[in-house]
């Protein structure tokens, strides 16, 4: 079953149809660029990053992306959540990181 959100007074919005695989990968790549990987760490490619799309009351589209990386020495896996805002200026589309929390947690 496809996921979506319910807007006030409307039917369920299906963002899985709205975004292509390319759009999803661009959002995931944007989130990965925000991670400063500590020494001996690498992104987990066998675990797909999770991505959920939603729309706020101003009809802006956001993605919540969780990327995972593992320390190859300690084998500790860390999940880092990011919120990205979708922009479409008519010429090109892109994702922008939205700072909505403390940086202490995601910089480590």
C-alpha atoms as a PDB file:
ATOM      1  CA  UNK A   1       0.000   0.000   0.000  1.00  0.00           C
ATOM      2  CA  UNK A   2       1.320   3.399  -0.942  1.00  0.00           C
ATOM      3  CA  UNK A   3       1.847   5.981   1.778  1.00  0.00           C
ATOM      4  CA  UNK A   4       0.594   9.554   1.703  1.00  0.00           C
ATOM      5  CA  UNK A   5      -0.751  12.287   3.894  1.00  0.00           C
ATOM      6  CA  UNK A   6      -4.220  13.596   4.568  1.00  0.00           C
ATOM      7  CA  UNK A   7      -4.751  17.256   3.896  1.00  0.00           C
ATOM      8  CA  UNK A   8      -7.489  19.043   5.795  1.00  0.00           C
ATOM      9  CA  UNK A   9     -10.740  18.648   3.842  1.00  0.00           C
ATOM     10  CA  UNK A  10      -9.243  16.607   1.004  1.00  0.00           C
ATOM     11  CA  UNK A  11      -8.423  13.095  -0.074  1.00  0.00           C
ATOM     12  CA  UNK A  12      -5.198  11.264   0.674  1.00  0.00           C
ATOM     13  CA  UNK A  13      -2.186  12.735  -1.177  1.00  0.00           C
ATOM     14  CA  UNK A  14       0.026  10.015  -2.631  1.00  0.00           C
ATOM     15  CA  UNK A  15       3.605  11.273  -2.766  1.00  0.00           C
ATOM     16  CA  UNK A  16       5.006   7.919  -3.914  1.00  0.00           C
ATOM     17  CA  UNK A  17       3.437   8.624  -7.310  1.00  0.00           C
ATOM     18  CA  UNK A  18       4.520  12.270  -7.345  1.00  0.00           C
ATOM     19  CA  UNK A  19       8.258  11.573  -6.907  1.00  0.00           C
ATOM     20  CA  UNK A  20      10.323   9.430  -9.273  1.00  0.00           C
ATOM     21  CA  UNK A  21      13.169   7.119  -8.240  1.00  0.00           C
ATOM     22  CA  UNK A  22      15.572   9.821  -9.444  1.00  0.00           C
ATOM     23  CA  UNK A  23      13.911  12.354  -7.098  1.00  0.00           C
ATOM     24  CA  UNK A  24      14.203   9.912  -4.204  1.00  0.00           C
ATOM     25  CA  UNK A  25      17.891   9.276  -4.882  1.00  0.00           C
ATOM     26  CA  UNK A  26      18.576  13.017  -5.111  1.00  0.00           C
ATOM     27  CA  UNK A  27      16.940  13.532  -1.699  1.00  0.00           C
ATOM     28  CA  UNK A  28      18.928  10.646  -0.216  1.00  0.00           C
ATOM     29  CA  UNK A  29      22.180  11.951  -1.754  1.00  0.00           C
ATOM     30  CA  UNK A  30      21.458  15.414  -0.310  1.00  0.00           C
ATOM     31  CA  UNK A  31      21.012  13.892   3.151  1.00  0.00           C
ATOM     32  CA  UNK A  32      24.222  11.845   2.807  1.00  0.00           C
ATOM     33  CA  UNK A  33      26.156  15.013   1.957  1.00  0.00           C
ATOM     34  CA  UNK A  34      25.109  16.424   5.335  1.00  0.00           C
ATOM     35  CA  UNK A  35      26.763  13.572   7.255  1.00  0.00           C
ATOM     36  CA  UNK A  36      30.348  14.048   8.377  1.00  0.00           C
ATOM     37  CA  UNK A  37      31.444  10.419   8.491  1.00  0.00           C
ATOM     38  CA  UNK A  38      33.743   9.706  11.428  1.00  0.00           C
ATOM     39  CA  UNK A  39      36.933   7.750  10.840  1.00  0.00           C
ATOM     40  CA  UNK A  40      36.399   4.030  10.085  1.00  0.00           C
ATOM     41  CA  UNK A  41      32.745   4.599   9.124  1.00  0.00           C
ATOM     42  CA  UNK A  42      30.883   3.960   5.892  1.00  0.00           C
ATOM     43  CA  UNK A  43      27.310   4.267   4.643  1.00  0.00           C
ATOM     44  CA  UNK A  44      25.326   1.052   4.756  1.00  0.00           C
ATOM     45  CA  UNK A  45      24.346   0.285   1.185  1.00  0.00           C
ATOM     46  CA  UNK A  46      22.590  -2.988   2.004  1.00  0.00           C
ATOM     47  CA  UNK A  47      20.105  -1.035   4.172  1.00  0.00           C
ATOM     48  CA  UNK A  48      18.141   1.374   2.042  1.00  0.00           C
ATOM     49  CA  UNK A  49      17.720   4.806   3.589  1.00  0.00           C
ATOM     50  CA  UNK A  50      14.129   5.448   4.593  1.00  0.00           C
ATOM     51  CA  UNK A  51      12.345   8.381   3.036  1.00  0.00           C
ATOM     52  CA  UNK A  52       8.888   9.759   3.802  1.00  0.00           C
ATOM     53  CA  UNK A  53       7.301  12.711   2.041  1.00  0.00           C
ATOM     54  CA  UNK A  54       4.789  15.105   3.583  1.00  0.00           C
ATOM     55  CA  UNK A  55       3.213  18.502   3.002  1.00  0.00           C
ATOM     56  CA  UNK A  56       2.796  21.266   5.578  1.00  0.00           C
ATOM     57  CA  UNK A  57      -0.120  23.702   5.930  1.00  0.00           C
ATOM     58  CA  UNK A  58       1.595  26.121   3.501  1.00  0.00           C
ATOM     59  CA  UNK A  59       1.589  23.368   0.840  1.00  0.00           C
ATOM     60  CA  UNK A  60       5.387  23.061   0.967  1.00  0.00           C
ATOM     61  CA  UNK A  61       6.707  19.555   0.345  1.00  0.00           C
ATOM     62  CA  UNK A  62       9.250  17.999   2.688  1.00  0.00           C
ATOM     63  CA  UNK A  63      11.063  14.692   2.960  1.00  0.00           C
ATOM     64  CA  UNK A  64      12.186  13.028   6.158  1.00  0.00           C
ATOM     65  CA  UNK A  65      15.256  10.956   5.247  1.00  0.00           C
ATOM     66  CA  UNK A  66      17.096   8.585   7.576  1.00  0.00           C
ATOM     67  CA  UNK A  67      20.549   7.454   6.441  1.00  0.00           C
ATOM     68  CA  UNK A  68      22.583   4.824   8.269  1.00  0.00           C
ATOM     69  CA  UNK A  69      26.297   4.351   8.654  1.00  0.00           C
ATOM     70  CA  UNK A  70      28.400   1.802  10.491  1.00  0.00           C
ATOM     71  CA  UNK A  71      31.728   1.969  12.265  1.00  0.00           C
ATOM     72  CA  UNK A  72      33.794  -0.919  10.899  1.00  0.00           C
ATOM     73  CA  UNK A  73      35.828  -1.162  14.138  1.00  0.00           C
ATOM     74  CA  UNK A  74      33.030  -1.132  16.722  1.00  0.00           C
ATOM     75  CA  UNK A  75      30.305  -2.346  14.297  1.00  0.00           C
ATOM     76  CA  UNK A  76      28.015   0.293  15.819  1.00  0.00           C
ATOM     77  CA  UNK A  77      25.256   1.410  13.410  1.00  0.00           C
ATOM     78  CA  UNK A  78      24.084   5.014  13.582  1.00  0.00           C
ATOM     79  CA  UNK A  79      20.854   6.329  12.027  1.00  0.00           C
ATOM     80  CA  UNK A  80      20.774  10.032  11.163  1.00  0.00           C
ATOM     81  CA  UNK A  81      17.434  11.723  10.376  1.00  0.00           C
ATOM     82  CA  UNK A  82      17.260  14.764   8.090  1.00  0.00           C
ATOM     83  CA  UNK A  83      14.429  17.010   6.978  1.00  0.00           C
ATOM     84  CA  UNK A  84      14.665  18.291   3.414  1.00  0.00           C
ATOM     85  CA  UNK A  85      12.487  20.857   1.642  1.00  0.00           C
ATOM     86  CA  UNK A  86      11.568  20.376  -2.018  1.00  0.00           C
ATOM     87  CA  UNK A  87      12.041  23.325  -4.398  1.00  0.00           C
ATOM     88  CA  UNK A  88      10.820  23.628  -7.973  1.00  0.00           C
ATOM     89  CA  UNK A  89      11.676  26.963  -9.572  1.00  0.00           C
ATOM     90  CA  UNK A  90      10.431  25.989 -13.025  1.00  0.00           C
ATOM     91  CA  UNK A  91      13.969  25.458 -14.332  1.00  0.00           C
ATOM     92  CA  UNK A  92      15.144  22.705 -12.026  1.00  0.00           C
ATOM     93  CA  UNK A  93      14.093  20.851  -8.916  1.00  0.00           C
ATOM     94  CA  UNK A  94      16.250  20.355  -5.830  1.00  0.00           C
ATOM     95  CA  UNK A  95      16.193  19.447  -2.139  1.00  0.00           C
ATOM     96  CA  UNK A  96      17.397  21.794   0.596  1.00  0.00           C
ATOM     97  CA  UNK A  97      18.360  20.777   4.116  1.00  0.00           C
ATOM     98  CA  UNK A  98      16.082  22.317   6.751  1.00  0.00           C
ATOM     99  CA  UNK A  99      17.696  22.903  10.134  1.00  0.00           C
ATOM    100  CA  UNK A 100      15.000  22.068  12.665  1.00  0.00           C
ATOM    101  CA  UNK A 101      17.026  20.750  15.560  1.00  0.00           C
ATOM    102  CA  UNK A 102      20.299  20.655  17.421  1.00  0.00           C
ATOM    103  CA  UNK A 103      23.388  20.039  15.306  1.00  0.00           C
ATOM    104  CA  UNK A 104      25.172  18.277  18.178  1.00  0.00           C
ATOM    105  CA  UNK A 105      23.287  15.063  17.514  1.00  0.00           C
ATOM    106  CA  UNK A 106      23.776  14.732  13.770  1.00  0.00           C
ATOM    107  CA  UNK A 107      27.359  15.946  13.430  1.00  0.00           C
ATOM    108  CA  UNK A 108      28.732  13.003  15.401  1.00  0.00           C
END
